[in-house]
């Protein structure tokens, strides 16, 4: 018998609601998106024009301590947004992300 896992059971890290503008850089194109939620392994971006599954891009989360991350699209919700996974985090990005999640967890 096969059991399907719900989305929350599949996730490695807890998601936290967080609103912030995000700049997506894909090649020489810059797109605007809005952060809906974030975890240590990825985030959900609201954008009317999402990229496609497995597209690779850089994103800059525009917070007081700006966080730059390398990402890959995991799932697309047409006309709504996309789930992205962090593929590369610098030491500084990891530190800022850890701090952000720590603050969000205490709200």
N, C-alpha and C. Protein backbone atom coordinates (compact mmCIF):
# COMPACT_ATOMS: atom_id res chain seq x y z
N UNK A 1 0.84 -1.18 0.00
CA UNK A 1 0.00 0.00 0.00
C UNK A 1 0.89 1.25 0.00
N UNK A 2 0.60 2.19 -0.86
CA UNK A 2 1.40 3.41 -0.99
C UNK A 2 0.68 4.55 -0.29
N UNK A 3 1.41 5.25 0.56
CA UNK A 3 0.85 6.43 1.24
C UNK A 3 1.44 7.67 0.58
N UNK A 4 0.59 8.63 0.25
CA UNK A 4 1.14 9.87 -0.28
C UNK A 4 1.35 10.82 0.89
N UNK A 5 2.41 11.57 0.82
CA UNK A 5 2.72 12.52 1.88
C UNK A 5 2.09 13.86 1.56
N UNK A 6 1.57 14.51 2.56
CA UNK A 6 1.05 15.86 2.34
C UNK A 6 2.25 16.80 2.18
N UNK A 7 2.00 18.00 1.67
CA UNK A 7 3.08 18.95 1.46
C UNK A 7 3.90 19.23 2.70
N UNK A 8 3.24 19.36 3.85
CA UNK A 8 3.98 19.67 5.08
C UNK A 8 4.85 18.49 5.52
N UNK A 9 4.43 17.25 5.21
CA UNK A 9 5.24 16.09 5.58
C UNK A 9 6.46 15.95 4.68
N UNK A 10 6.38 16.47 3.46
CA UNK A 10 7.51 16.39 2.53
C UNK A 10 8.57 17.44 2.82
N UNK A 11 8.17 18.56 3.40
CA UNK A 11 9.10 19.67 3.62
C UNK A 11 10.15 19.34 4.65
N UNK A 12 11.38 19.75 4.36
CA UNK A 12 12.48 19.55 5.31
C UNK A 12 12.47 20.61 6.40
N UNK A 13 12.02 21.82 6.05
CA UNK A 13 12.08 22.94 6.99
C UNK A 13 10.72 23.62 7.08
N UNK A 14 10.41 24.12 8.28
CA UNK A 14 9.16 24.84 8.51
C UNK A 14 9.16 26.15 7.73
N UNK A 15 8.01 26.46 7.14
CA UNK A 15 7.86 27.72 6.42
C UNK A 15 7.32 28.80 7.35
N UNK A 16 7.77 30.03 7.13
CA UNK A 16 7.30 31.17 7.91
C UNK A 16 6.79 32.24 6.97
N UNK A 17 5.63 32.79 7.29
CA UNK A 17 5.06 33.87 6.50
C UNK A 17 5.99 35.08 6.59
N UNK A 18 6.29 35.67 5.44
CA UNK A 18 7.20 36.82 5.40
C UNK A 18 6.91 37.60 4.13
N UNK A 19 6.68 38.88 4.25
CA UNK A 19 6.40 39.72 3.09
C UNK A 19 7.60 40.61 2.80
N UNK A 20 8.07 40.56 1.56
CA UNK A 20 9.18 41.42 1.15
C UNK A 20 9.26 41.40 -0.36
N UNK A 21 9.72 42.50 -0.96
CA UNK A 21 9.95 42.48 -2.41
C UNK A 21 11.18 41.62 -2.73
N UNK A 22 11.17 41.00 -3.90
CA UNK A 22 12.28 40.16 -4.34
C UNK A 22 12.62 40.53 -5.77
N UNK A 23 13.92 40.72 -6.03
CA UNK A 23 14.39 40.96 -7.40
C UNK A 23 14.96 39.65 -7.93
N UNK A 24 14.41 39.20 -9.05
CA UNK A 24 14.87 37.97 -9.69
C UNK A 24 15.76 38.36 -10.86
N UNK A 25 16.96 37.81 -10.90
CA UNK A 25 17.86 38.04 -12.04
C UNK A 25 18.03 36.72 -12.76
N UNK A 26 17.58 36.70 -14.00
CA UNK A 26 17.65 35.50 -14.83
C UNK A 26 18.32 35.91 -16.13
N UNK A 27 19.58 35.52 -16.29
CA UNK A 27 20.36 36.01 -17.43
C UNK A 27 20.52 37.51 -17.30
N UNK A 28 20.13 38.25 -18.34
CA UNK A 28 20.23 39.71 -18.25
C UNK A 28 18.86 40.35 -18.03
N UNK A 29 17.89 39.54 -17.59
CA UNK A 29 16.54 40.01 -17.32
C UNK A 29 16.34 40.13 -15.80
N UNK A 30 15.71 41.23 -15.37
CA UNK A 30 15.37 41.40 -13.96
C UNK A 30 13.86 41.44 -13.84
N UNK A 31 13.32 40.60 -12.96
CA UNK A 31 11.88 40.54 -12.72
C UNK A 31 11.59 40.90 -11.27
N UNK A 32 10.38 41.38 -11.03
CA UNK A 32 9.96 41.72 -9.67
C UNK A 32 9.01 40.63 -9.16
N UNK A 33 9.14 40.27 -7.90
CA UNK A 33 8.24 39.30 -7.27
C UNK A 33 8.05 39.73 -5.82
N UNK A 34 7.14 39.05 -5.14
CA UNK A 34 6.90 39.30 -3.72
C UNK A 34 7.06 38.00 -2.96
N UNK A 35 7.79 38.08 -1.87
CA UNK A 35 7.97 36.92 -1.00
C UNK A 35 6.69 36.69 -0.21
N UNK A 36 6.19 35.45 -0.20
CA UNK A 36 5.01 35.10 0.59
C UNK A 36 5.42 34.35 1.85
N UNK A 37 6.31 33.35 1.69
CA UNK A 37 6.84 32.64 2.85
C UNK A 37 8.22 32.10 2.54
N UNK A 38 8.93 31.73 3.62
CA UNK A 38 10.34 31.35 3.47
C UNK A 38 10.70 30.27 4.49
N UNK A 39 11.68 29.45 4.12
CA UNK A 39 12.23 28.45 5.04
C UNK A 39 13.75 28.44 4.81
N UNK A 40 14.45 27.59 5.52
CA UNK A 40 15.90 27.50 5.32
C UNK A 40 16.25 26.87 3.97
N UNK A 41 15.29 26.21 3.33
CA UNK A 41 15.61 25.53 2.07
C UNK A 41 14.96 26.16 0.84
N UNK A 42 14.05 27.13 1.03
CA UNK A 42 13.42 27.74 -0.13
C UNK A 42 12.38 28.77 0.25
N UNK A 43 11.60 29.20 -0.77
CA UNK A 43 10.60 30.23 -0.53
C UNK A 43 9.51 30.15 -1.59
N UNK A 44 8.38 30.81 -1.30
CA UNK A 44 7.30 30.92 -2.27
C UNK A 44 7.27 32.37 -2.74
N UNK A 45 7.35 32.55 -4.05
CA UNK A 45 7.34 33.88 -4.63
C UNK A 45 6.04 34.11 -5.38
N UNK A 46 5.39 35.22 -5.08
CA UNK A 46 4.19 35.63 -5.80
C UNK A 46 4.64 36.44 -7.01
N UNK A 47 4.23 36.01 -8.20
CA UNK A 47 4.55 36.73 -9.43
C UNK A 47 3.57 36.29 -10.51
N UNK A 48 3.00 37.26 -11.24
CA UNK A 48 2.05 36.89 -12.29
C UNK A 48 2.74 36.18 -13.47
N UNK A 49 4.05 36.31 -13.58
CA UNK A 49 4.79 35.68 -14.67
C UNK A 49 5.92 34.81 -14.13
N UNK A 50 5.56 33.65 -13.54
CA UNK A 50 6.61 32.78 -13.00
C UNK A 50 7.49 32.18 -14.09
N UNK A 51 8.69 31.80 -13.72
CA UNK A 51 9.56 31.07 -14.63
C UNK A 51 9.04 29.63 -14.71
N UNK A 52 9.72 28.75 -15.37
CA UNK A 52 9.26 27.37 -15.52
C UNK A 52 10.01 26.45 -14.57
N UNK A 53 9.46 25.25 -14.36
CA UNK A 53 10.08 24.28 -13.47
C UNK A 53 11.53 24.03 -13.86
N UNK A 54 12.40 23.99 -12.90
CA UNK A 54 13.83 23.75 -13.00
C UNK A 54 14.63 24.95 -13.55
N UNK A 55 13.97 26.08 -13.80
CA UNK A 55 14.71 27.29 -14.22
C UNK A 55 15.62 27.71 -13.06
N UNK A 56 16.84 28.12 -13.39
CA UNK A 56 17.83 28.56 -12.40
C UNK A 56 17.91 30.09 -12.45
N UNK A 57 17.99 30.73 -11.28
CA UNK A 57 18.10 32.19 -11.25
C UNK A 57 18.68 32.66 -9.92
N UNK A 58 19.07 33.94 -9.89
CA UNK A 58 19.52 34.58 -8.64
C UNK A 58 18.37 35.42 -8.13
N UNK A 59 18.25 35.50 -6.81
CA UNK A 59 17.21 36.33 -6.22
C UNK A 59 17.81 37.16 -5.10
N UNK A 60 17.31 38.38 -4.98
CA UNK A 60 17.72 39.24 -3.88
C UNK A 60 16.48 39.59 -3.09
N UNK A 61 16.44 39.13 -1.85
CA UNK A 61 15.32 39.41 -0.96
C UNK A 61 15.59 40.77 -0.34
N UNK A 62 14.71 41.73 -0.61
CA UNK A 62 14.95 43.11 -0.23
C UNK A 62 14.46 43.40 1.19
N UNK A 63 15.28 43.03 2.15
CA UNK A 63 15.03 43.27 3.56
C UNK A 63 16.13 44.19 4.09
N UNK A 64 16.00 44.69 5.34
CA UNK A 64 17.09 45.52 5.87
C UNK A 64 18.46 44.84 5.73
N UNK A 65 18.51 43.50 5.98
CA UNK A 65 19.75 42.78 5.70
C UNK A 65 19.46 41.96 4.44
N UNK A 66 19.67 42.59 3.28
CA UNK A 66 19.37 41.99 1.99
C UNK A 66 20.03 40.61 1.87
N UNK A 67 19.28 39.64 1.34
CA UNK A 67 19.79 38.28 1.21
C UNK A 67 19.80 37.89 -0.27
N UNK A 68 20.99 37.54 -0.78
CA UNK A 68 21.11 37.09 -2.18
C UNK A 68 21.26 35.57 -2.17
N UNK A 69 20.42 34.91 -2.98
CA UNK A 69 20.42 33.45 -3.03
C UNK A 69 20.35 32.96 -4.48
N UNK A 70 20.91 31.80 -4.72
CA UNK A 70 20.78 31.12 -6.01
C UNK A 70 19.63 30.14 -5.86
N UNK A 71 18.76 30.07 -6.88
CA UNK A 71 17.52 29.30 -6.75
C UNK A 71 17.24 28.44 -7.98
N UNK A 72 16.35 27.48 -7.76
CA UNK A 72 15.82 26.65 -8.83
C UNK A 72 14.32 26.52 -8.60
N UNK A 73 13.53 26.67 -9.68
CA UNK A 73 12.08 26.56 -9.56
C UNK A 73 11.68 25.10 -9.36
N UNK A 74 10.95 24.83 -8.28
CA UNK A 74 10.48 23.46 -7.99
C UNK A 74 9.06 23.23 -8.51
N UNK A 75 8.19 24.25 -8.39
CA UNK A 75 6.81 24.10 -8.83
C UNK A 75 6.28 25.46 -9.26
N UNK A 76 5.43 25.46 -10.28
CA UNK A 76 4.82 26.69 -10.77
C UNK A 76 3.32 26.64 -10.57
N UNK A 77 2.77 27.71 -10.01
CA UNK A 77 1.32 27.89 -9.92
C UNK A 77 0.99 28.97 -10.94
N UNK A 78 0.53 28.56 -12.13
CA UNK A 78 0.31 29.49 -13.25
C UNK A 78 -0.47 30.73 -12.83
N UNK A 79 0.07 31.89 -13.22
CA UNK A 79 -0.58 33.16 -12.93
C UNK A 79 -0.54 33.59 -11.48
N UNK A 80 0.08 32.76 -10.61
CA UNK A 80 0.09 33.08 -9.18
C UNK A 80 1.48 33.20 -8.60
N UNK A 81 2.32 32.20 -8.86
CA UNK A 81 3.65 32.24 -8.27
C UNK A 81 4.41 30.95 -8.47
N UNK A 82 5.47 30.80 -7.68
CA UNK A 82 6.31 29.62 -7.81
C UNK A 82 7.01 29.27 -6.51
N UNK A 83 7.21 27.99 -6.32
CA UNK A 83 7.97 27.47 -5.19
C UNK A 83 9.40 27.33 -5.68
N UNK A 84 10.34 27.91 -4.95
CA UNK A 84 11.74 27.82 -5.35
C UNK A 84 12.58 27.23 -4.22
N UNK A 85 13.60 26.52 -4.63
CA UNK A 85 14.53 25.89 -3.69
C UNK A 85 15.86 26.64 -3.77
N UNK A 86 16.50 26.86 -2.63
CA UNK A 86 17.82 27.48 -2.63
C UNK A 86 18.82 26.43 -3.09
N UNK A 87 19.61 26.77 -4.09
CA UNK A 87 20.61 25.82 -4.59
C UNK A 87 22.00 26.17 -4.11
N UNK A 88 22.20 27.42 -3.75
CA UNK A 88 23.51 27.87 -3.28
C UNK A 88 23.34 29.05 -2.34
N UNK A 89 23.95 28.95 -1.17
CA UNK A 89 23.92 30.04 -0.19
C UNK A 89 25.34 30.37 0.22
N UNK A 90 25.72 31.64 0.12
CA UNK A 90 27.02 32.05 0.63
C UNK A 90 26.95 31.98 2.15
N UNK A 91 28.09 32.06 2.80
CA UNK A 91 28.12 32.05 4.27
C UNK A 91 27.31 33.23 4.81
N UNK A 92 27.45 34.40 4.18
CA UNK A 92 26.72 35.59 4.61
C UNK A 92 25.21 35.39 4.43
N UNK A 93 24.80 34.83 3.29
CA UNK A 93 23.38 34.59 3.03
C UNK A 93 22.80 33.61 4.05
N UNK A 94 23.57 32.56 4.35
CA UNK A 94 23.12 31.55 5.31
C UNK A 94 22.94 32.19 6.69
N UNK A 95 23.87 33.05 7.07
CA UNK A 95 23.81 33.74 8.36
C UNK A 95 22.58 34.67 8.41
N UNK A 96 22.37 35.46 7.35
CA UNK A 96 21.23 36.38 7.31
C UNK A 96 19.90 35.62 7.27
N UNK A 97 19.86 34.52 6.54
CA UNK A 97 18.65 33.70 6.46
C UNK A 97 18.34 33.07 7.81
N UNK A 98 19.35 32.55 8.48
CA UNK A 98 19.17 31.97 9.81
C UNK A 98 18.63 33.01 10.78
N UNK A 99 19.17 34.23 10.72
CA UNK A 99 18.73 35.33 11.59
C UNK A 99 17.27 35.69 11.28
N UNK A 100 16.93 35.78 10.00
CA UNK A 100 15.56 36.11 9.59
C UNK A 100 14.58 35.05 10.10
N UNK A 101 14.88 33.78 9.90
CA UNK A 101 14.00 32.68 10.34
C UNK A 101 13.86 32.71 11.87
N UNK A 102 14.96 32.99 12.56
CA UNK A 102 14.94 33.08 14.03
C UNK A 102 13.95 34.18 14.45
N UNK A 103 14.02 35.35 13.77
CA UNK A 103 13.11 36.45 14.11
C UNK A 103 11.65 36.08 13.79
N UNK A 104 11.43 35.46 12.64
CA UNK A 104 10.07 35.08 12.22
C UNK A 104 9.46 34.05 13.17
N UNK A 105 10.28 33.13 13.65
CA UNK A 105 9.80 32.08 14.55
C UNK A 105 9.35 32.64 15.89
N UNK A 106 9.80 33.83 16.24
CA UNK A 106 9.47 34.42 17.53
C UNK A 106 8.34 35.44 17.45
N UNK A 107 7.77 35.64 16.30
CA UNK A 107 6.68 36.61 16.15
C UNK A 107 5.36 36.03 16.60
